[in-house]
Amino acid sequence: MEKLNKAKHLSTGDMEKTEGVRKSSTAKWLYLMVLVAGILLYIIWGAAYNAFLDIGLYSIVILMVAFGLCGFALYTIAPDGGKK
């Protein structure tokens, strides 16, 4: 019976906290993957086409790296989305 009583005392607030951590952790890793993909795109595309000074490549890579850095930094600083 005690196990049943303990199960009743579990609140949904605890479940929401774990879901929030999982969502922010997933988002943080997705932003990190965008950052790494931007760097890899620059290296691979530049090596394949000898176009390290291509303005089109810069425009794509800068966006990917900027979104990756900003998103990763924001989810690292405030992992719960700034909620207290």
Protein backbone atom coordinates (compact mmCIF):
# COMPACT_ATOMS: atom_id res chain seq x y z
CA MET A 1 0.00 0.00 0.00
CA GLU A 2 2.86 2.38 0.71
CA LYS A 3 4.04 2.11 -2.87
CA LEU A 4 0.62 3.15 -4.09
CA ASN A 5 0.58 6.11 -1.73
CA LYS A 6 4.00 7.22 -2.92
CA ALA A 7 2.82 7.00 -6.51
CA LYS A 8 -0.12 9.28 -5.70
CA HIS A 9 2.23 11.89 -4.26
CA LEU A 10 4.12 12.24 -7.51
CA SER A 11 3.05 15.51 -8.97
CA THR A 12 2.89 16.50 -12.59
CA GLY A 13 5.22 19.39 -11.73
CA ASP A 14 8.11 16.92 -11.42
CA MET A 15 7.27 15.47 -14.81
CA GLU A 16 7.15 18.93 -16.39
CA LYS A 17 10.61 19.71 -15.04
CA THR A 18 12.12 16.61 -16.60
CA GLU A 19 10.39 17.28 -19.92
CA GLY A 20 11.68 20.86 -19.91
CA VAL A 21 15.23 19.70 -19.30
CA ARG A 22 14.95 17.16 -22.08
CA LYS A 23 13.56 19.73 -24.52
CA SER A 24 16.26 22.28 -23.74
CA SER A 25 18.96 19.64 -23.91
CA THR A 26 17.69 18.50 -27.30
CA ALA A 27 17.55 22.07 -28.57
CA LYS A 28 21.04 22.75 -27.27
CA TRP A 29 22.45 19.78 -29.15
CA LEU A 30 20.57 20.70 -32.32
CA TYR A 31 22.09 24.19 -32.24
CA LEU A 32 25.51 22.64 -31.67
CA MET A 33 24.96 20.42 -34.72
CA VAL A 34 24.05 23.48 -36.82
CA LEU A 35 27.29 25.13 -35.69
CA VAL A 36 29.38 22.08 -36.57
CA ALA A 37 27.55 21.62 -39.88
CA GLY A 38 28.36 25.22 -40.85
CA ILE A 39 32.05 24.74 -40.12
CA LEU A 40 32.14 21.41 -41.96
CA LEU A 41 30.31 22.94 -44.92
CA TYR A 42 32.96 25.64 -45.20
CA ILE A 43 35.84 23.18 -45.00
CA ILE A 44 34.41 20.52 -47.31
CA TRP A 45 32.97 22.90 -49.93
CA GLY A 46 36.12 25.01 -49.93
CA ALA A 47 38.34 21.98 -50.37
CA ALA A 48 36.18 20.35 -53.02
CA TYR A 49 35.76 23.44 -55.21
CA ASN A 50 38.81 25.45 -54.11
CA ALA A 51 36.42 28.24 -53.18
CA PHE A 52 37.47 29.34 -49.71
CA LEU A 53 36.94 33.00 -50.67
CA ASP A 54 33.46 32.56 -52.18
CA ILE A 55 30.93 35.16 -50.99
CA GLY A 56 28.01 32.73 -51.45
CA LEU A 57 29.69 30.20 -49.21
CA TYR A 58 30.32 32.91 -46.62
CA SER A 59 26.66 33.93 -46.60
CA ILE A 60 25.45 30.41 -45.81
CA VAL A 61 28.21 29.54 -43.35
CA ILE A 62 27.92 32.80 -41.40
CA LEU A 63 24.19 32.22 -40.88
CA MET A 64 24.67 28.63 -39.77
CA VAL A 65 27.52 29.46 -37.40
CA ALA A 66 25.72 32.51 -35.96
CA PHE A 67 22.48 30.59 -35.32
CA GLY A 68 24.46 27.70 -33.85
CA LEU A 69 26.50 29.90 -31.53
CA CYS A 70 23.57 32.03 -30.38
CA GLY A 71 21.23 29.11 -29.82
CA PHE A 72 23.83 27.00 -28.03
CA ALA A 73 24.85 29.93 -25.84
CA LEU A 74 21.26 30.79 -24.93
CA TYR A 75 20.37 27.22 -23.99
CA THR A 76 23.61 26.87 -22.03
CA ILE A 77 23.06 30.08 -20.05
CA ALA A 78 19.33 29.53 -19.40
CA PRO A 79 18.67 25.78 -19.74
CA ASP A 80 15.03 26.08 -18.60
CA GLY A 81 14.25 28.81 -21.07
CA GLY A 82 14.65 31.48 -18.40
CA LYS A 83 11.73 30.12 -16.34
CA LYS A 84 12.06 29.97 -12.59
